[in-house]
Amino acid sequence: MEEVKTTLGEPVKVIASFSPHKFKIHFFNWKERTYPVESMNLFHIERDGSKKLYHFAVSSRGNSYELVFDPVTLDWVLADMVQV
């Protein structure tokens, strides 16, 4: 099977929970559909001067998604998607 990566940069809504040493994304909503997050695979912080963006690679329904969180604006963006 061939993987297809699509760059999106579209806003999404995210349901997540926080505890002192743990962060978990439960669902994200994109184009009026809810995607359950089955696993969080990778995480990294992108720094641009004093600005930080938090990148999360997650899996849902057999596909991979990169969600990006801006802690200043509290916005989430679906950066890209890899379909199998």
C-alpha atoms as a PDB file:
ATOM      1  CA  MET A   1       0.000   0.000   0.000  1.00  0.00           C
ATOM      2  CA  GLU A   2       1.211   3.464  -0.827  1.00  0.00           C
ATOM      3  CA  GLU A   3       1.158   6.256   1.737  1.00  0.00           C
ATOM      4  CA  VAL A   4      -0.150   9.636   0.612  1.00  0.00           C
ATOM      5  CA  LYS A   5       0.885  12.744   2.585  1.00  0.00           C
ATOM      6  CA  THR A   6      -1.331  15.813   2.319  1.00  0.00           C
ATOM      7  CA  THR A   7      -0.337  19.210   3.718  1.00  0.00           C
ATOM      8  CA  LEU A   8      -3.417  20.944   5.113  1.00  0.00           C
ATOM      9  CA  GLY A   9      -2.809  23.792   7.578  1.00  0.00           C
ATOM     10  CA  GLU A  10      -6.500  23.789   8.551  1.00  0.00           C
ATOM     11  CA  PRO A  11      -7.959  24.761  11.933  1.00  0.00           C
ATOM     12  CA  VAL A  12      -9.306  21.954  14.122  1.00  0.00           C
ATOM     13  CA  LYS A  13     -10.924  21.608  17.527  1.00  0.00           C
ATOM     14  CA  VAL A  14      -9.185  19.321  20.005  1.00  0.00           C
ATOM     15  CA  ILE A  15     -10.336  17.576  23.180  1.00  0.00           C
ATOM     16  CA  ALA A  16      -7.360  16.898  25.440  1.00  0.00           C
ATOM     17  CA  SER A  17      -6.595  16.352  29.108  1.00  0.00           C
ATOM     18  CA  PHE A  18      -3.715  17.608  31.195  1.00  0.00           C
ATOM     19  CA  SER A  19      -2.158  16.380  34.409  1.00  0.00           C
ATOM     20  CA  PRO A  20       1.101  17.446  36.084  1.00  0.00           C
ATOM     21  CA  HIS A  21       3.294  15.137  33.992  1.00  0.00           C
ATOM     22  CA  LYS A  22       1.010  13.943  31.223  1.00  0.00           C
ATOM     23  CA  PHE A  23      -0.858  15.352  28.247  1.00  0.00           C
ATOM     24  CA  LYS A  24      -3.308  13.320  26.197  1.00  0.00           C
ATOM     25  CA  ILE A  25      -5.258  14.177  23.055  1.00  0.00           C
ATOM     26  CA  HIS A  26      -8.558  12.268  23.034  1.00  0.00           C
ATOM     27  CA  PHE A  27     -10.327  13.535  19.900  1.00  0.00           C
ATOM     28  CA  PHE A  28     -10.042  16.162  17.212  1.00  0.00           C
ATOM     29  CA  ASN A  29     -12.806  17.602  15.058  1.00  0.00           C
ATOM     30  CA  TRP A  30     -12.080  18.455  11.439  1.00  0.00           C
ATOM     31  CA  LYS A  31     -14.640  19.355   8.777  1.00  0.00           C
ATOM     32  CA  GLU A  32     -17.527  18.428  11.079  1.00  0.00           C
ATOM     33  CA  ARG A  33     -16.132  14.924  11.714  1.00  0.00           C
ATOM     34  CA  THR A  34     -14.772  13.636  15.000  1.00  0.00           C
ATOM     35  CA  TYR A  35     -11.576  11.578  14.940  1.00  0.00           C
ATOM     36  CA  PRO A  36     -10.725   9.497  18.027  1.00  0.00           C
ATOM     37  CA  VAL A  37      -7.000   9.591  18.767  1.00  0.00           C
ATOM     38  CA  GLU A  38      -5.873   5.994  19.175  1.00  0.00           C
ATOM     39  CA  SER A  39      -2.237   6.829  19.924  1.00  0.00           C
ATOM     40  CA  MET A  40       0.129   9.764  20.297  1.00  0.00           C
ATOM     41  CA  ASN A  41       3.271   8.778  18.421  1.00  0.00           C
ATOM     42  CA  LEU A  42       5.703  11.702  18.427  1.00  0.00           C
ATOM     43  CA  PHE A  43       6.009  15.134  19.971  1.00  0.00           C
ATOM     44  CA  HIS A  44       8.356  18.052  19.375  1.00  0.00           C
ATOM     45  CA  ILE A  45       8.551  21.787  19.992  1.00  0.00           C
ATOM     46  CA  GLU A  46       9.281  24.198  17.148  1.00  0.00           C
ATOM     47  CA  ARG A  47      10.924  27.440  18.221  1.00  0.00           C
ATOM     48  CA  ASP A  48      10.810  30.633  16.184  1.00  0.00           C
ATOM     49  CA  GLY A  49      12.459  33.341  18.260  1.00  0.00           C
ATOM     50  CA  SER A  50      10.409  33.533  21.455  1.00  0.00           C
ATOM     51  CA  LYS A  51       7.431  31.751  19.873  1.00  0.00           C
ATOM     52  CA  LYS A  52       6.875  28.033  20.498  1.00  0.00           C
ATOM     53  CA  LEU A  53       4.622  25.663  18.564  1.00  0.00           C
ATOM     54  CA  TYR A  54       3.880  22.192  19.903  1.00  0.00           C
ATOM     55  CA  HIS A  55       3.674  19.421  17.276  1.00  0.00           C
ATOM     56  CA  PHE A  56       1.904  16.131  17.971  1.00  0.00           C
ATOM     57  CA  ALA A  57       1.873  13.140  15.623  1.00  0.00           C
ATOM     58  CA  VAL A  58      -1.258  11.085  16.312  1.00  0.00           C
ATOM     59  CA  SER A  59      -3.017   8.085  14.782  1.00  0.00           C
ATOM     60  CA  SER A  60      -6.721   7.706  14.089  1.00  0.00           C
ATOM     61  CA  ARG A  61      -8.566   5.139  11.997  1.00  0.00           C
ATOM     62  CA  GLY A  62      -5.365   3.824  10.450  1.00  0.00           C
ATOM     63  CA  ASN A  63      -4.109   7.227   9.309  1.00  0.00           C
ATOM     64  CA  SER A  64      -1.509   9.593  10.799  1.00  0.00           C
ATOM     65  CA  TYR A  65      -2.069  13.268  11.533  1.00  0.00           C
ATOM     66  CA  GLU A  66       0.139  16.122  12.699  1.00  0.00           C
ATOM     67  CA  LEU A  67      -1.613  18.503  15.072  1.00  0.00           C
ATOM     68  CA  VAL A  68       0.056  21.801  16.000  1.00  0.00           C
ATOM     69  CA  PHE A  69      -0.829  23.823  19.104  1.00  0.00           C
ATOM     70  CA  ASP A  70      -0.037  27.521  19.572  1.00  0.00           C
ATOM     71  CA  PRO A  71      -0.070  28.243  23.339  1.00  0.00           C
ATOM     72  CA  VAL A  72      -0.301  32.014  22.795  1.00  0.00           C
ATOM     73  CA  THR A  73      -3.453  32.002  20.640  1.00  0.00           C
ATOM     74  CA  LEU A  74      -4.704  28.601  21.946  1.00  0.00           C
ATOM     75  CA  ASP A  75      -5.306  27.586  18.324  1.00  0.00           C
ATOM     76  CA  TRP A  76      -4.916  24.058  16.954  1.00  0.00           C
ATOM     77  CA  VAL A  77      -4.051  23.350  13.319  1.00  0.00           C
ATOM     78  CA  LEU A  78      -4.109  20.103  11.383  1.00  0.00           C
ATOM     79  CA  ALA A  79      -0.757  20.523   9.630  1.00  0.00           C
ATOM     80  CA  ASP A  80      -0.772  17.346   7.573  1.00  0.00           C
ATOM     81  CA  MET A  81      -2.249  13.904   7.148  1.00  0.00           C
ATOM     82  CA  VAL A  82      -0.743  10.624   5.938  1.00  0.00           C
ATOM     83  CA  GLN A  83      -3.274   8.178   4.516  1.00  0.00           C
ATOM     84  CA  VAL A  84      -2.408   4.526   4.118  1.00  0.00           C
END
